[in-house]
C-alpha atoms as a PDB file:
ATOM      1  CA  UNK A   1      17.945  -4.289  -5.705  1.00  0.00           C
ATOM      2  CA  UNK A   2      16.324  -1.764  -3.423  1.00  0.00           C
ATOM      3  CA  UNK A   3      14.678  -2.676  -0.118  1.00  0.00           C
ATOM      4  CA  UNK A   4      12.416  -0.252   1.721  1.00  0.00           C
ATOM      5  CA  UNK A   5      10.115  -0.452   4.727  1.00  0.00           C
ATOM      6  CA  UNK A   6       7.008   1.754   4.656  1.00  0.00           C
ATOM      7  CA  UNK A   7       7.178   2.178   8.440  1.00  0.00           C
ATOM      8  CA  UNK A   8      10.679   3.632   8.254  1.00  0.00           C
ATOM      9  CA  UNK A   9      10.148   6.144   5.418  1.00  0.00           C
ATOM     10  CA  UNK A  10       9.745   9.879   5.989  1.00  0.00           C
ATOM     11  CA  UNK A  11       6.455  11.556   5.129  1.00  0.00           C
ATOM     12  CA  UNK A  12       6.402  13.867   2.111  1.00  0.00           C
ATOM     13  CA  UNK A  13       3.686  16.090   0.755  1.00  0.00           C
ATOM     14  CA  UNK A  14       1.567  15.306  -2.291  1.00  0.00           C
ATOM     15  CA  UNK A  15       2.202  17.883  -5.022  1.00  0.00           C
ATOM     16  CA  UNK A  16      -1.518  18.363  -5.762  1.00  0.00           C
ATOM     17  CA  UNK A  17      -2.317  19.161  -2.111  1.00  0.00           C
ATOM     18  CA  UNK A  18       0.511  19.693   0.426  1.00  0.00           C
ATOM     19  CA  UNK A  19      -1.865  18.809   3.295  1.00  0.00           C
ATOM     20  CA  UNK A  20      -1.962  15.204   2.044  1.00  0.00           C
ATOM     21  CA  UNK A  21       0.993  13.072   3.138  1.00  0.00           C
ATOM     22  CA  UNK A  22       2.691  10.245   1.264  1.00  0.00           C
ATOM     23  CA  UNK A  23       5.590   7.848   1.678  1.00  0.00           C
ATOM     24  CA  UNK A  24       7.624   7.035  -1.425  1.00  0.00           C
ATOM     25  CA  UNK A  25       8.880   3.447  -1.566  1.00  0.00           C
ATOM     26  CA  UNK A  26      10.390   3.691  -5.061  1.00  0.00           C
ATOM     27  CA  UNK A  27      11.279   6.796  -7.020  1.00  0.00           C
ATOM     28  CA  UNK A  28      11.978   7.806 -10.602  1.00  0.00           C
ATOM     29  CA  UNK A  29      15.092   5.974 -11.752  1.00  0.00           C
ATOM     30  CA  UNK A  30      14.769   3.032  -9.357  1.00  0.00           C
ATOM     31  CA  UNK A  31      13.194   0.825 -12.087  1.00  0.00           C
ATOM     32  CA  UNK A  32      12.732   1.361 -15.823  1.00  0.00           C
ATOM     33  CA  UNK A  33       9.532   3.327 -16.652  1.00  0.00           C
ATOM     34  CA  UNK A  34       8.490   3.600 -12.980  1.00  0.00           C
ATOM     35  CA  UNK A  35       7.967   7.195 -11.827  1.00  0.00           C
ATOM     36  CA  UNK A  36       7.045   6.300  -8.257  1.00  0.00           C
ATOM     37  CA  UNK A  37       5.559   3.651  -6.011  1.00  0.00           C
ATOM     38  CA  UNK A  38       3.968   5.383  -3.032  1.00  0.00           C
ATOM     39  CA  UNK A  39       1.296   5.328  -0.376  1.00  0.00           C
ATOM     40  CA  UNK A  40      -0.802   8.432   0.367  1.00  0.00           C
ATOM     41  CA  UNK A  41      -3.087   9.073   3.303  1.00  0.00           C
ATOM     42  CA  UNK A  42      -6.043  11.425   2.754  1.00  0.00           C
ATOM     43  CA  UNK A  43      -7.743  12.626   5.925  1.00  0.00           C
ATOM     44  CA  UNK A  44     -11.547  12.976   5.778  1.00  0.00           C
ATOM     45  CA  UNK A  45     -12.454  15.789   3.397  1.00  0.00           C
ATOM     46  CA  UNK A  46      -9.044  16.100   1.770  1.00  0.00           C
ATOM     47  CA  UNK A  47      -8.885  16.446  -2.029  1.00  0.00           C
ATOM     48  CA  UNK A  48      -6.075  16.081  -4.536  1.00  0.00           C
ATOM     49  CA  UNK A  49      -7.081  18.697  -7.088  1.00  0.00           C
ATOM     50  CA  UNK A  50      -7.817  17.839 -10.717  1.00  0.00           C
ATOM     51  CA  UNK A  51      -4.707  17.370 -12.803  1.00  0.00           C
ATOM     52  CA  UNK A  52      -3.360  15.257 -15.654  1.00  0.00           C
ATOM     53  CA  UNK A  53      -0.053  13.861 -16.754  1.00  0.00           C
ATOM     54  CA  UNK A  54       1.126  13.948 -20.329  1.00  0.00           C
ATOM     55  CA  UNK A  55       4.023  11.549 -19.748  1.00  0.00           C
ATOM     56  CA  UNK A  56       2.714   8.927 -17.347  1.00  0.00           C
ATOM     57  CA  UNK A  57      -0.240   6.777 -16.391  1.00  0.00           C
ATOM     58  CA  UNK A  58      -1.097   5.953 -12.770  1.00  0.00           C
ATOM     59  CA  UNK A  59      -2.599   2.983 -10.959  1.00  0.00           C
ATOM     60  CA  UNK A  60      -4.328   3.464  -7.610  1.00  0.00           C
ATOM     61  CA  UNK A  61      -5.248   0.710  -5.123  1.00  0.00           C
ATOM     62  CA  UNK A  62      -7.480   1.479  -2.157  1.00  0.00           C
ATOM     63  CA  UNK A  63      -6.011  -0.059   1.015  1.00  0.00           C
ATOM     64  CA  UNK A  64      -8.609   1.474   3.358  1.00  0.00           C
ATOM     65  CA  UNK A  65     -11.322   4.106   3.538  1.00  0.00           C
ATOM     66  CA  UNK A  66     -13.620   5.430   0.854  1.00  0.00           C
ATOM     67  CA  UNK A  67     -13.770   8.265  -1.567  1.00  0.00           C
ATOM     68  CA  UNK A  68     -14.386   9.349  -5.137  1.00  0.00           C
ATOM     69  CA  UNK A  69     -12.071   9.599  -8.102  1.00  0.00           C
ATOM     70  CA  UNK A  70     -13.273  11.869 -10.867  1.00  0.00           C
ATOM     71  CA  UNK A  71     -11.749  10.998 -14.243  1.00  0.00           C
ATOM     72  CA  UNK A  72     -12.627  13.198 -17.197  1.00  0.00           C
ATOM     73  CA  UNK A  73     -15.662  14.539 -15.286  1.00  0.00           C
ATOM     74  CA  UNK A  74     -16.996  11.036 -14.476  1.00  0.00           C
ATOM     75  CA  UNK A  75     -17.121   9.952 -10.827  1.00  0.00           C
ATOM     76  CA  UNK A  76     -16.136   6.468  -9.679  1.00  0.00           C
ATOM     77  CA  UNK A  77     -16.369   5.197  -6.088  1.00  0.00           C
ATOM     78  CA  UNK A  78     -13.211   4.275  -4.229  1.00  0.00           C
ATOM     79  CA  UNK A  79     -13.655   1.507  -1.651  1.00  0.00           C
ATOM     80  CA  UNK A  80     -11.248  -0.888  -0.013  1.00  0.00           C
ATOM     81  CA  UNK A  81      -9.955  -3.301  -2.651  1.00  0.00           C
ATOM     82  CA  UNK A  82     -10.693  -1.028  -5.641  1.00  0.00           C
ATOM     83  CA  UNK A  83      -7.969  -0.742  -8.263  1.00  0.00           C
ATOM     84  CA  UNK A  84      -8.254   1.922 -10.943  1.00  0.00           C
ATOM     85  CA  UNK A  85      -5.906   2.923 -13.774  1.00  0.00           C
ATOM     86  CA  UNK A  86      -5.710   6.479 -15.089  1.00  0.00           C
ATOM     87  CA  UNK A  87      -4.329   6.768 -18.584  1.00  0.00           C
ATOM     88  CA  UNK A  88      -2.024   9.407 -20.025  1.00  0.00           C
ATOM     89  CA  UNK A  89      -3.747  12.766 -20.430  1.00  0.00           C
ATOM     90  CA  UNK A  90      -6.820  11.871 -18.359  1.00  0.00           C
ATOM     91  CA  UNK A  91      -7.788  14.587 -15.893  1.00  0.00           C
ATOM     92  CA  UNK A  92      -8.304  13.101 -12.424  1.00  0.00           C
ATOM     93  CA  UNK A  93      -9.196  14.343  -8.943  1.00  0.00           C
ATOM     94  CA  UNK A  94      -9.321  12.249  -5.764  1.00  0.00           C
ATOM     95  CA  UNK A  95     -11.503  13.071  -2.740  1.00  0.00           C
ATOM     96  CA  UNK A  96     -11.896  11.396   0.637  1.00  0.00           C
ATOM     97  CA  UNK A  97     -15.654  11.402   1.179  1.00  0.00           C
ATOM     98  CA  UNK A  98     -15.567   9.098   4.188  1.00  0.00           C
ATOM     99  CA  UNK A  99     -15.188   9.520   7.953  1.00  0.00           C
ATOM    100  CA  UNK A 100     -11.823   7.713   8.165  1.00  0.00           C
ATOM    101  CA  UNK A 101      -8.518   8.022   6.327  1.00  0.00           C
ATOM    102  CA  UNK A 102      -8.444   7.062   2.658  1.00  0.00           C
ATOM    103  CA  UNK A 103      -5.229   5.121   2.104  1.00  0.00           C
ATOM    104  CA  UNK A 104      -4.081   4.727  -1.504  1.00  0.00           C
ATOM    105  CA  UNK A 105      -1.097   2.732  -2.690  1.00  0.00           C
ATOM    106  CA  UNK A 106      -0.189   3.842  -6.189  1.00  0.00           C
ATOM    107  CA  UNK A 107       2.436   3.883  -8.898  1.00  0.00           C
ATOM    108  CA  UNK A 108       3.134   5.784 -12.065  1.00  0.00           C
ATOM    109  CA  UNK A 109       4.569   4.484 -15.331  1.00  0.00           C
ATOM    110  CA  UNK A 110       6.403   6.789 -17.717  1.00  0.00           C
ATOM    111  CA  UNK A 111       5.086   6.591 -21.264  1.00  0.00           C
ATOM    112  CA  UNK A 112       5.549   8.564 -24.438  1.00  0.00           C
ATOM    113  CA  UNK A 113       3.124  11.485 -24.738  1.00  0.00           C
ATOM    114  CA  UNK A 114       0.351  10.703 -27.200  1.00  0.00           C
ATOM    115  CA  UNK A 115      -1.625  12.885 -29.551  1.00  0.00           C
ATOM    116  CA  UNK A 116      -5.386  12.858 -29.873  1.00  0.00           C
ATOM    117  CA  UNK A 117      -8.264  12.648 -27.493  1.00  0.00           C
ATOM    118  CA  UNK A 118      -8.245  11.211 -24.013  1.00  0.00           C
ATOM    119  CA  UNK A 119     -10.580   8.454 -22.959  1.00  0.00           C
ATOM    120  CA  UNK A 120     -11.427   6.181 -20.085  1.00  0.00           C
ATOM    121  CA  UNK A 121     -10.713   2.549 -20.911  1.00  0.00           C
ATOM    122  CA  UNK A 122     -10.963  -0.675 -19.011  1.00  0.00           C
ATOM    123  CA  UNK A 123     -12.271   0.648 -15.719  1.00  0.00           C
ATOM    124  CA  UNK A 124     -13.462  -2.173 -13.506  1.00  0.00           C
ATOM    125  CA  UNK A 125     -14.889  -1.183 -10.161  1.00  0.00           C
END
């Protein structure tokens, strides 16, 4: 068992933009297949640059604010309550396009790298 409190965790930087801050509630090794369970806060105008993961998929849930996630050059709105899954190998970029903080709670799941093309599947906004 591991118990954490978001309010008591130290801030860390997001690897894709060190200006963006996150708090990590669970880390790699805490649970099988989980790479992280975190919450990130994007100030207005902040962007996590386009990147992809060959060994994990990610799930993002919008707690507050608004923005855009660009997956494989397709833009999808991020609004409070939105949940979106990014599959292995899909290039993704997140931008806060609003006037308030964009707060994302997210986790990554370690998977085996796959061969072949990437695709967007099962996106429900």
